[in-house]
Amino acid sequence: MDGTLVDTEVLWWETAREVAAGLGHRLSDADAPEVVGRAVADTAAHLIGVTGGDSATLPATAAELTDSFFRKVDAGAPLRPGAAALLASLEGAGVPFALVSASPRSVVDAVVAGSLAGVDFAFTLSADDTVRTKPHPDPYRAAAERFAADPAACVAVEDSPDGTASADAAGCAVLVVPSLLPVAPGRGRTFARSLEEVDLGVLSDCLSRPELP
């Protein structure tokens, strides 16, 4: 969702920057791997760690991140280029698709009711719906199970290193459309510069390309 279908990665970075400033830390590119594409709890733990804070404040920091991000998303998050057309083509062709996010349920529901209103997702999975979220394989394994499908027959569309790692570990083919952070090439990964380059044929080809050149 974040950075793939909707342009919320910048909003998340702004949220983390504001919370970090409140803790006395100036967010920089060095923090990006621990912030971009990460779950709220992971980012909260990182901010507490770099500021030497008390781990007991982790729930409060996570809540502050969630609340601030929710307010920004609820105010409106634009779709990524090509997202609307790709989702419409999937729906028109009868291809089932789901939203698998590392964001909290409250944020997922806000985006689905706002920027993604009317999109016919089979279901949505948030960080609250599995014991572990990205970069662990649990979210994509859970999605494949709900589809009653082999993960190897599924294509995950991702923009971040952690999301890609999650889909890889679950056994899915991955179409990577990088957002704020680069994603390394690897087996089972196909790359596109934008969703504007992606159609049903590209998604189908992902399943027959076990290794990038």
Protein backbone atom coordinates (compact mmCIF):
# COMPACT_ATOMS: atom_id res chain seq x y z
CA MET A 1 0.00 0.00 0.00
CA ASP A 2 2.42 2.69 1.23
CA GLY A 3 4.66 3.79 -1.60
CA THR A 4 3.23 1.19 -3.97
CA LEU A 5 -0.42 2.13 -4.52
CA VAL A 6 -0.58 5.39 -2.58
CA ASP A 7 2.10 8.01 -2.12
CA THR A 8 2.29 7.78 1.66
CA GLU A 9 5.97 7.02 2.14
CA VAL A 10 6.70 10.76 2.18
CA LEU A 11 3.95 11.24 4.77
CA TRP A 12 5.45 8.45 6.90
CA TRP A 13 8.91 10.02 6.65
CA GLU A 14 7.49 13.39 7.72
CA THR A 15 5.76 11.69 10.65
CA ALA A 16 8.94 9.93 11.75
CA ARG A 17 10.93 13.15 11.35
CA GLU A 18 8.51 15.07 13.59
CA VAL A 19 8.46 12.38 16.28
CA ALA A 20 12.25 12.04 16.12
CA ALA A 21 12.62 15.81 16.56
CA GLY A 22 10.45 15.61 19.65
CA LEU A 23 12.87 13.03 21.02
CA GLY A 24 15.87 15.21 20.22
CA HIS A 25 17.00 13.40 17.06
CA ARG A 26 17.34 14.82 13.56
CA LEU A 27 16.25 12.16 11.07
CA SER A 28 18.71 11.60 8.23
CA ASP A 29 19.31 9.24 5.31
CA ALA A 30 21.15 6.96 7.74
CA ASP A 31 17.83 6.29 9.47
CA ALA A 32 15.98 5.41 6.27
CA PRO A 33 16.47 1.61 6.37
CA GLU A 34 14.91 1.56 9.86
CA VAL A 35 12.01 3.85 8.91
CA VAL A 36 10.95 3.37 5.27
CA GLY A 37 8.79 0.32 4.76
CA ARG A 38 9.07 -0.67 8.40
CA ALA A 39 6.27 -1.38 10.85
CA VAL A 40 5.37 1.26 13.41
CA ALA A 41 6.87 -0.72 16.29
CA ASP A 42 10.16 -1.12 14.41
CA THR A 43 10.43 2.60 13.72
CA ALA A 44 9.49 3.45 17.31
CA ALA A 45 12.16 1.07 18.62
CA HIS A 46 14.74 2.63 16.31
CA LEU A 47 13.94 6.17 17.41
CA ILE A 48 14.12 5.20 21.06
CA GLY A 49 17.40 3.41 20.45
CA VAL A 50 19.14 6.27 18.64
CA THR A 51 18.04 8.77 21.28
CA GLY A 52 18.98 6.56 24.22
CA GLY A 53 15.39 6.56 25.41
CA ASP A 54 13.67 4.22 27.82
CA SER A 55 12.25 1.13 26.11
CA ALA A 56 9.23 1.47 28.37
CA THR A 57 8.20 4.46 26.24
CA LEU A 58 7.95 2.32 23.10
CA PRO A 59 4.12 1.96 23.24
CA ALA A 60 3.67 5.71 23.62
CA THR A 61 6.10 6.47 20.79
CA ALA A 62 4.40 3.92 18.54
CA ALA A 63 1.01 5.44 19.36
CA GLU A 64 2.30 8.93 18.53
CA LEU A 65 3.63 7.71 15.19
CA THR A 66 0.36 5.95 14.38
CA ASP A 67 -1.86 8.86 15.35
CA SER A 68 0.19 11.44 13.47
CA PHE A 69 0.46 9.28 10.35
CA PHE A 70 -3.27 8.54 10.45
CA ARG A 71 -4.08 12.24 10.51
CA LYS A 72 -1.86 12.89 7.50
CA VAL A 73 -3.27 9.95 5.52
CA ASP A 74 -6.84 10.79 6.48
CA ALA A 75 -6.30 14.28 5.03
CA GLY A 76 -5.63 12.66 1.66
CA ALA A 77 -2.88 10.60 0.05
CA PRO A 78 -2.51 10.64 -3.76
CA LEU A 79 -2.40 7.45 -5.78
CA ARG A 80 0.91 6.45 -7.32
CA PRO A 81 1.11 6.88 -11.11
CA GLY A 82 -0.48 3.93 -12.89
CA ALA A 83 -2.09 2.48 -9.76
CA ALA A 84 -5.71 3.22 -10.70
CA ALA A 85 -5.34 1.83 -14.21
CA LEU A 86 -3.63 -1.36 -13.01
CA LEU A 87 -6.23 -2.01 -10.31
CA ALA A 88 -9.04 -1.44 -12.83
CA SER A 89 -7.46 -3.86 -15.30
CA LEU A 90 -7.15 -6.56 -12.63
CA GLU A 91 -10.77 -6.09 -11.65
CA GLY A 92 -11.91 -6.07 -15.27
CA ALA A 93 -10.06 -9.32 -16.00
CA GLY A 94 -11.43 -11.03 -12.90
CA VAL A 95 -7.99 -11.46 -11.34
CA PRO A 96 -8.33 -11.60 -7.53
CA PHE A 97 -6.08 -9.23 -5.65
CA ALA A 98 -5.57 -8.17 -2.04
CA LEU A 99 -3.83 -5.40 -0.15
CA VAL A 100 -1.01 -6.55 2.16
CA SER A 101 0.38 -3.77 4.31
CA ALA A 102 2.75 -3.24 7.24
CA SER A 103 0.64 -0.26 8.34
CA PRO A 104 -1.76 -0.54 11.29
CA ARG A 105 -5.38 -1.48 10.64
CA SER A 106 -6.59 2.05 11.34
CA VAL A 107 -4.35 3.46 8.60
CA VAL A 108 -5.20 0.70 6.10
CA ASP A 109 -8.92 1.28 6.64
CA ALA A 110 -8.51 5.04 6.23
CA VAL A 111 -6.69 4.64 2.90
CA VAL A 112 -9.15 2.03 1.62
CA ALA A 113 -12.06 4.30 2.52
CA GLY A 114 -10.32 7.33 1.01
CA SER A 115 -7.73 7.16 -1.77
CA LEU A 116 -8.62 3.56 -2.64
CA ALA A 117 -12.38 3.86 -2.22
CA GLY A 118 -14.28 1.64 -4.62
CA VAL A 119 -11.36 -0.73 -5.31
CA ASP A 120 -12.56 -4.33 -5.17
CA PHE A 121 -9.91 -5.90 -2.94
CA ALA A 122 -10.66 -9.50 -2.05
CA PHE A 123 -9.47 -8.58 1.46
CA THR A 124 -6.90 -6.42 3.22
CA LEU A 125 -4.21 -7.48 5.67
CA SER A 126 -2.62 -5.01 8.08
CA ALA A 127 0.26 -5.23 10.54
CA ASP A 128 -2.33 -6.09 13.19
CA ASP A 129 -3.52 -9.23 11.38
CA THR A 130 -0.44 -11.44 11.71
CA VAL A 131 1.90 -12.17 14.62
CA ARG A 132 4.82 -10.75 12.64
CA THR A 133 4.67 -8.24 9.81
CA LYS A 134 7.12 -7.36 7.04
CA PRO A 135 10.01 -8.17 6.53
CA HIS A 136 8.84 -11.54 7.88
CA PRO A 137 6.96 -13.84 5.48
CA ASP A 138 3.82 -14.05 7.62
CA PRO A 139 1.70 -11.42 5.80
CA TYR A 140 2.17 -12.88 2.32
CA ARG A 141 1.80 -16.44 3.56
CA ALA A 142 -1.46 -15.44 5.23
CA ALA A 143 -2.67 -13.76 2.03
CA ALA A 144 -1.88 -16.83 -0.07
CA GLU A 145 -3.71 -19.03 2.43
CA ARG A 146 -6.80 -16.81 2.24
CA PHE A 147 -6.70 -17.16 -1.54
CA ALA A 148 -6.22 -20.93 -1.12
CA ALA A 149 -3.23 -20.50 -3.42
CA ASP A 150 0.38 -21.62 -3.51
CA PRO A 151 2.54 -18.53 -2.77
CA ALA A 152 4.57 -19.43 -5.86
CA ALA A 153 1.45 -18.77 -7.95
CA CYS A 154 1.12 -15.25 -6.51
CA VAL A 155 2.80 -12.00 -7.53
CA ALA A 156 3.52 -9.44 -4.82
CA VAL A 157 3.93 -5.85 -5.97
CA GLU A 158 6.33 -4.05 -3.64
CA ASP A 159 8.34 -0.84 -3.39
CA SER A 160 10.61 -1.36 -0.37
CA PRO A 161 13.43 -3.70 0.69
CA ASP A 162 11.44 -5.01 3.67
CA GLY A 163 8.29 -5.63 1.65
CA THR A 164 10.31 -7.40 -1.02
CA ALA A 165 12.06 -9.52 1.61
CA SER A 166 8.68 -10.48 3.07
CA ALA A 167 7.30 -11.60 -0.28
CA ASP A 168 10.53 -13.41 -1.15
CA ALA A 169 10.52 -15.32 2.13
CA ALA A 170 6.89 -16.33 1.60
CA GLY A 171 7.77 -17.79 -1.79
CA CYS A 172 6.00 -15.24 -3.99
CA ALA A 173 7.26 -13.79 -7.25
CA VAL A 174 7.90 -10.09 -6.73
CA LEU A 175 7.38 -7.12 -9.01
CA VAL A 176 9.46 -4.30 -7.54
CA VAL A 177 8.58 -0.68 -8.24
CA PRO A 178 11.05 1.19 -5.99
CA SER A 179 9.92 4.24 -4.06
CA LEU A 180 12.21 5.99 -1.56
CA LEU A 181 14.75 3.19 -1.05
CA PRO A 182 16.52 1.09 -3.70
CA VAL A 183 15.82 -2.64 -3.80
CA ALA A 184 18.60 -5.04 -4.79
CA PRO A 185 18.13 -7.39 -7.75
CA GLY A 186 17.55 -11.02 -6.88
CA ARG A 187 16.03 -14.30 -7.87
CA GLY A 188 12.30 -14.06 -8.47
CA ARG A 189 12.35 -10.26 -8.67
CA THR A 190 11.18 -8.28 -11.70
CA PHE A 191 11.64 -4.51 -11.77
CA ALA A 192 9.60 -1.66 -13.22
CA ARG A 193 10.22 2.07 -12.92
CA SER A 194 6.53 2.84 -12.44
CA LEU A 195 3.16 1.09 -12.29
CA GLU A 196 2.50 2.90 -15.56
CA GLU A 197 4.77 0.27 -17.13
CA VAL A 198 2.82 -2.62 -15.60
CA ASP A 199 -0.09 -4.50 -17.15
CA LEU A 200 -1.55 -8.00 -16.83
CA GLY A 201 1.09 -9.36 -19.19
CA VAL A 202 3.92 -8.01 -17.05
CA LEU A 203 2.39 -9.53 -13.92
CA SER A 204 1.96 -12.88 -15.67
CA ASP A 205 5.56 -12.80 -16.88
CA CYS A 206 6.74 -12.38 -13.29
CA LEU A 207 5.69 -15.96 -12.61
CA SER A 208 7.85 -17.29 -15.44
CA ARG A 209 11.00 -15.31 -14.65
CA PRO A 210 12.71 -17.09 -11.74
CA GLU A 211 15.88 -15.04 -12.06
CA LEU A 212 16.77 -11.60 -13.33
CA PRO A 213 19.58 -11.26 -15.90
